[in-house]
Structures are given as structure tokens and as C-alpha cells.
């Protein structure tokens, strides 16, 4: 995860990097706030894409779903499968 954060210092508009960090925070760290922050940053950039490809559309759907989960009052971190 540190490598992804370092990458953002050089390329702060890397959409996939925000998504990757958010996913790592959600699945491997108990850090709800950090997960939410990176998901929101990812979505802010992803929604600016005029013609998102299918992969980006799927990533957006997953990110929105994760935000709904972590926004829930019954949030329980999922375990990686």
C-alpha cells in the first residue's frame, strides 16, 4: 500500500491507484475512515471520465457498493476470499 501512496505523489490523478488503496484498506485494514476517503477520491476522479470503459464502470459500481456498506450502522469488515 505504501508503494501506491508514493505513486500518488507523482501521479495524483491515477484513478486505479485510489481504488486499489481503498480496496486494500477495506479488505486488509480495519480503517473505515481511510477506506471511505480513498473511495470518495476514486469516485470523484472516475466520474469525470467522459467515456469510461467497462472495467471502470465495474470499479465504480463496486466502490459505490463499498461506500454503502461502510456507511451502514451494521458495518462488519469483509474477509478476503
C-alpha atoms as a PDB file:
ATOM      1  CA  UNK A   1       0.000   0.000   0.000  1.00  0.00           C
ATOM      2  CA  UNK A   2       2.865   2.378   0.677  1.00  0.00           C
ATOM      3  CA  UNK A   3       4.003   1.988  -2.929  1.00  0.00           C
ATOM      4  CA  UNK A   4       0.561   3.059  -4.149  1.00  0.00           C
ATOM      5  CA  UNK A   5       0.599   6.085  -1.851  1.00  0.00           C
ATOM      6  CA  UNK A   6       4.054   7.001  -3.152  1.00  0.00           C
ATOM      7  CA  UNK A   7       2.743   6.635  -6.706  1.00  0.00           C
ATOM      8  CA  UNK A   8       0.031   9.210  -5.950  1.00  0.00           C
ATOM      9  CA  UNK A   9       2.715  11.738  -5.060  1.00  0.00           C
ATOM     10  CA  UNK A  10       3.940  11.507  -8.656  1.00  0.00           C
ATOM     11  CA  UNK A  11       0.603  10.911 -10.345  1.00  0.00           C
ATOM     12  CA  UNK A  12      -2.273  12.235  -8.202  1.00  0.00           C
ATOM     13  CA  UNK A  13      -4.791  11.642 -10.993  1.00  0.00           C
ATOM     14  CA  UNK A  14      -4.245   7.880 -11.151  1.00  0.00           C
ATOM     15  CA  UNK A  15      -7.824   6.655 -10.816  1.00  0.00           C
ATOM     16  CA  UNK A  16      -6.968   2.982 -10.330  1.00  0.00           C
ATOM     17  CA  UNK A  17      -4.485   3.750  -7.572  1.00  0.00           C
ATOM     18  CA  UNK A  18      -7.173   5.319  -5.367  1.00  0.00           C
ATOM     19  CA  UNK A  19      -9.351   2.270  -5.984  1.00  0.00           C
ATOM     20  CA  UNK A  20      -6.515  -0.128  -5.120  1.00  0.00           C
ATOM     21  CA  UNK A  21      -5.699   1.675  -1.876  1.00  0.00           C
ATOM     22  CA  UNK A  22      -9.370   1.771  -0.886  1.00  0.00           C
ATOM     23  CA  UNK A  23      -9.724  -1.948  -1.574  1.00  0.00           C
ATOM     24  CA  UNK A  24      -6.639  -2.741   0.488  1.00  0.00           C
ATOM     25  CA  UNK A  25      -7.929  -0.592   3.356  1.00  0.00           C
ATOM     26  CA  UNK A  26     -11.309  -2.308   3.238  1.00  0.00           C
ATOM     27  CA  UNK A  27     -10.159  -5.908   2.957  1.00  0.00           C
ATOM     28  CA  UNK A  28      -6.941  -5.880   4.988  1.00  0.00           C
ATOM     29  CA  UNK A  29      -7.093  -2.990   7.443  1.00  0.00           C
ATOM     30  CA  UNK A  30      -9.763  -2.099   9.963  1.00  0.00           C
ATOM     31  CA  UNK A  31      -9.691   1.521   8.813  1.00  0.00           C
ATOM     32  CA  UNK A  32     -13.197   2.601   7.869  1.00  0.00           C
ATOM     33  CA  UNK A  33     -12.342   6.302   7.504  1.00  0.00           C
ATOM     34  CA  UNK A  34      -9.343   5.703   5.264  1.00  0.00           C
ATOM     35  CA  UNK A  35     -11.372   3.314   3.103  1.00  0.00           C
ATOM     36  CA  UNK A  36     -14.128   5.912   2.757  1.00  0.00           C
ATOM     37  CA  UNK A  37     -11.682   8.688   1.938  1.00  0.00           C
ATOM     38  CA  UNK A  38      -9.962   6.760  -0.857  1.00  0.00           C
ATOM     39  CA  UNK A  39     -13.269   5.511  -2.278  1.00  0.00           C
ATOM     40  CA  UNK A  40     -14.573   9.074  -2.421  1.00  0.00           C
ATOM     41  CA  UNK A  41     -11.385  10.292  -4.109  1.00  0.00           C
ATOM     42  CA  UNK A  42     -11.603   7.426  -6.606  1.00  0.00           C
ATOM     43  CA  UNK A  43     -15.235   8.198  -7.415  1.00  0.00           C
ATOM     44  CA  UNK A  44     -14.563  11.916  -7.808  1.00  0.00           C
ATOM     45  CA  UNK A  45     -11.942  11.195 -10.473  1.00  0.00           C
ATOM     46  CA  UNK A  46     -13.736   8.259 -12.093  1.00  0.00           C
ATOM     47  CA  UNK A  47     -16.958  10.209 -12.597  1.00  0.00           C
ATOM     48  CA  UNK A  48     -15.058  12.856 -14.548  1.00  0.00           C
ATOM     49  CA  UNK A  49     -14.211  10.343 -17.285  1.00  0.00           C
ATOM     50  CA  UNK A  50     -16.314  11.205 -20.311  1.00  0.00           C
ATOM     51  CA  UNK A  51     -16.309   7.703 -21.774  1.00  0.00           C
ATOM     52  CA  UNK A  52     -15.480   5.179 -19.045  1.00  0.00           C
ATOM     53  CA  UNK A  53     -14.620   1.688 -20.248  1.00  0.00           C
ATOM     54  CA  UNK A  54     -16.371  -1.405 -18.903  1.00  0.00           C
ATOM     55  CA  UNK A  55     -13.679  -2.056 -16.287  1.00  0.00           C
ATOM     56  CA  UNK A  56     -14.004   1.457 -14.877  1.00  0.00           C
ATOM     57  CA  UNK A  57     -17.795   1.157 -14.808  1.00  0.00           C
ATOM     58  CA  UNK A  58     -17.458  -2.047 -12.777  1.00  0.00           C
ATOM     59  CA  UNK A  59     -14.977  -0.413 -10.412  1.00  0.00           C
ATOM     60  CA  UNK A  60     -17.394   2.491  -9.885  1.00  0.00           C
ATOM     61  CA  UNK A  61     -20.220   0.071  -9.065  1.00  0.00           C
ATOM     62  CA  UNK A  62     -18.046  -1.800  -6.575  1.00  0.00           C
ATOM     63  CA  UNK A  63     -16.844   1.435  -4.964  1.00  0.00           C
ATOM     64  CA  UNK A  64     -20.406   2.701  -4.566  1.00  0.00           C
ATOM     65  CA  UNK A  65     -21.373  -0.623  -3.012  1.00  0.00           C
ATOM     66  CA  UNK A  66     -18.486  -0.498  -0.549  1.00  0.00           C
ATOM     67  CA  UNK A  67     -19.443   3.045   0.445  1.00  0.00           C
ATOM     68  CA  UNK A  68     -22.972   1.854   1.175  1.00  0.00           C
ATOM     69  CA  UNK A  69     -21.587  -0.992   3.290  1.00  0.00           C
ATOM     70  CA  UNK A  70     -19.188   1.123   5.323  1.00  0.00           C
ATOM     71  CA  UNK A  71     -21.852   3.796   5.732  1.00  0.00           C
ATOM     72  CA  UNK A  72     -24.131   1.231   7.296  1.00  0.00           C
ATOM     73  CA  UNK A  73     -24.508   1.231  11.056  1.00  0.00           C
ATOM     74  CA  UNK A  74     -24.085  -2.554  10.993  1.00  0.00           C
ATOM     75  CA  UNK A  75     -20.756  -2.450   9.179  1.00  0.00           C
ATOM     76  CA  UNK A  76     -18.614  -5.544   9.512  1.00  0.00           C
ATOM     77  CA  UNK A  77     -15.419  -5.680   7.508  1.00  0.00           C
ATOM     78  CA  UNK A  78     -15.486  -8.447   4.921  1.00  0.00           C
ATOM     79  CA  UNK A  79     -12.757 -11.034   4.837  1.00  0.00           C
ATOM     80  CA  UNK A  80     -10.885 -11.564   1.559  1.00  0.00           C
ATOM     81  CA  UNK A  81     -11.969 -14.653  -0.320  1.00  0.00           C
END
